[in-house]
C-alpha atoms as a PDB file:
ATOM      1  CA  MET A   1      86.107 106.658 115.918  1.00  0.00           C
ATOM      2  CA  ARG A   2      87.870 104.131 113.983  1.00  0.00           C
ATOM      3  CA  ASP A   3      84.785 103.787 111.514  1.00  0.00           C
ATOM      4  CA  GLY A   4      84.749 107.639 110.562  1.00  0.00           C
ATOM      5  CA  THR A   5      81.743 108.388 113.152  1.00  0.00           C
ATOM      6  CA  CYS A   6      82.304 110.154 116.645  1.00  0.00           C
ATOM      7  CA  THR A   7      81.724 108.115 119.725  1.00  0.00           C
ATOM      8  CA  LYS A   8      80.449 111.381 121.454  1.00  0.00           C
ATOM      9  CA  CYS A   9      78.203 113.321 119.141  1.00  0.00           C
ATOM     10  CA  GLY A  10      77.912 110.786 116.302  1.00  0.00           C
ATOM     11  CA  TYR A  11      79.162 113.478 113.706  1.00  0.00           C
ATOM     12  CA  PRO A  12      80.290 111.622 110.518  1.00  0.00           C
ATOM     13  CA  SER A  13      83.510 113.302 110.131  1.00  0.00           C
ATOM     14  CA  VAL A  14      86.572 111.661 112.129  1.00  0.00           C
ATOM     15  CA  ARG A  15      89.937 112.187 110.784  1.00  0.00           C
ATOM     16  CA  GLN A  16      93.220 110.380 111.587  1.00  0.00           C
ATOM     17  CA  LEU A  17      96.228 111.979 112.749  1.00  0.00           C
ATOM     18  CA  THR A  18      99.028 110.895 110.099  1.00  0.00           C
ATOM     19  CA  ARG A  19     101.707 112.769 111.867  1.00  0.00           C
ATOM     20  CA  GLY A  20     103.233 112.968 115.099  1.00  0.00           C
ATOM     21  CA  ILE A  21     101.656 114.544 118.253  1.00  0.00           C
ATOM     22  CA  TYR A  22     104.398 116.806 120.352  1.00  0.00           C
ATOM     23  CA  PHE A  23     104.590 116.432 124.115  1.00  0.00           C
ATOM     24  CA  SER A  24     107.159 118.604 126.041  1.00  0.00           C
ATOM     25  CA  GLY A  25     109.421 118.910 122.763  1.00  0.00           C
ATOM     26  CA  SER A  26     109.146 114.976 122.110  1.00  0.00           C
ATOM     27  CA  THR A  27     107.704 113.390 119.572  1.00  0.00           C
ATOM     28  CA  GLY A  28     105.019 110.794 120.451  1.00  0.00           C
ATOM     29  CA  VAL A  29     103.641 109.502 123.699  1.00  0.00           C
ATOM     30  CA  MET A  30     105.572 108.338 126.259  1.00  0.00           C
ATOM     31  CA  VAL A  31     104.059 105.685 128.717  1.00  0.00           C
ATOM     32  CA  ASN A  32     105.065 104.622 132.319  1.00  0.00           C
ATOM     33  CA  ASP A  33     105.978 100.852 132.076  1.00  0.00           C
ATOM     34  CA  GLY A  34     107.285 100.670 135.780  1.00  0.00           C
ATOM     35  CA  SER A  35     110.818 101.407 134.586  1.00  0.00           C
ATOM     36  CA  SER A  36     113.071 104.464 135.366  1.00  0.00           C
ATOM     37  CA  ILE A  37     113.327 104.587 131.480  1.00  0.00           C
ATOM     38  CA  ARG A  38     110.428 105.808 129.769  1.00  0.00           C
ATOM     39  CA  ARG A  39     110.361 104.808 125.806  1.00  0.00           C
ATOM     40  CA  PRO A  40     107.856 106.064 123.058  1.00  0.00           C
ATOM     41  CA  VAL A  41     104.994 103.875 122.282  1.00  0.00           C
ATOM     42  CA  SER A  42     102.964 103.305 119.147  1.00  0.00           C
ATOM     43  CA  TYR A  43      99.743 105.032 118.832  1.00  0.00           C
ATOM     44  CA  GLU A  44      96.662 106.175 116.580  1.00  0.00           C
ATOM     45  CA  THR A  45      94.902 109.413 117.392  1.00  0.00           C
ATOM     46  CA  PHE A  46      91.516 110.397 116.010  1.00  0.00           C
ATOM     47  CA  LEU A  47      89.770 113.580 116.165  1.00  0.00           C
ATOM     48  CA  CYS A  48      85.861 114.273 115.324  1.00  0.00           C
ATOM     49  CA  THR A  49      85.958 117.600 113.232  1.00  0.00           C
ATOM     50  CA  GLY A  50      82.227 118.435 114.680  1.00  0.00           C
ATOM     51  CA  CYS A  51      82.775 118.294 118.203  1.00  0.00           C
ATOM     52  CA  GLY A  52      86.584 118.556 118.783  1.00  0.00           C
ATOM     53  CA  TYR A  53      86.522 115.070 120.872  1.00  0.00           C
ATOM     54  CA  TRP A  54      89.530 112.710 120.326  1.00  0.00           C
ATOM     55  CA  GLU A  55      90.587 109.283 121.181  1.00  0.00           C
ATOM     56  CA  ASN A  56      94.324 107.722 121.264  1.00  0.00           C
ATOM     57  CA  TYR A  57      94.794 103.967 120.954  1.00  0.00           C
ATOM     58  CA  LEU A  58      98.100 102.303 121.952  1.00  0.00           C
ATOM     59  CA  THR A  59      99.072 100.055 119.246  1.00  0.00           C
ATOM     60  CA  ASP A  60     102.172  98.889 121.275  1.00  0.00           C
ATOM     61  CA  THR A  61     100.805  95.091 122.050  1.00  0.00           C
ATOM     62  CA  GLU A  62     104.052  94.784 124.349  1.00  0.00           C
ATOM     63  CA  MET A  63     103.321  97.985 126.113  1.00  0.00           C
ATOM     64  CA  LEU A  64      99.478  96.844 126.308  1.00  0.00           C
ATOM     65  CA  ARG A  65     100.471  93.636 127.797  1.00  0.00           C
ATOM     66  CA  ARG A  66     102.816  95.043 130.797  1.00  0.00           C
ATOM     67  CA  ILE A  67     100.152  97.324 131.759  1.00  0.00           C
ATOM     68  CA  ALA A  68      97.318  94.581 131.931  1.00  0.00           C
ATOM     69  CA  ASP A  69      99.942  92.890 134.114  1.00  0.00           C
ATOM     70  CA  GLY A  70      99.502  96.176 136.147  1.00  0.00           C
ATOM     71  CA  VAL A  71     103.087  97.670 135.791  1.00  0.00           C
ATOM     72  CA  GLY A  72     103.795 101.086 135.797  1.00  0.00           C
ATOM     73  CA  GLY A  73     101.087 102.376 138.034  1.00  0.00           C
ATOM     74  CA  TRP A  74      97.986 101.279 135.706  1.00  0.00           C
ATOM     75  CA  ALA A  75      95.170  99.751 137.742  1.00  0.00           C
ATOM     76  CA  PRO A  76      91.405  98.933 136.762  1.00  0.00           C
ATOM     77  CA  PRO A  77      89.288 102.340 137.153  1.00  0.00           C
ATOM     78  CA  ARG A  78      87.241 102.626 140.415  1.00  0.00           C
END
């Protein structure tokens, strides 16, 4: 997706979101990090204009490290 080609259908017209996505009236994505306080994280969003598939990537390296350590209910897929 980051190279402009859809990873699902191969269509060569992917667009990157340059403004926030709105969830529950808040701007941005909130991720569970194991604490009682949720904080927004930095992310990138890409959308295929051919099939509608979209991908989100967290770019918050501290949050990614915490998730890799298993905090917040994140676990390897089964």
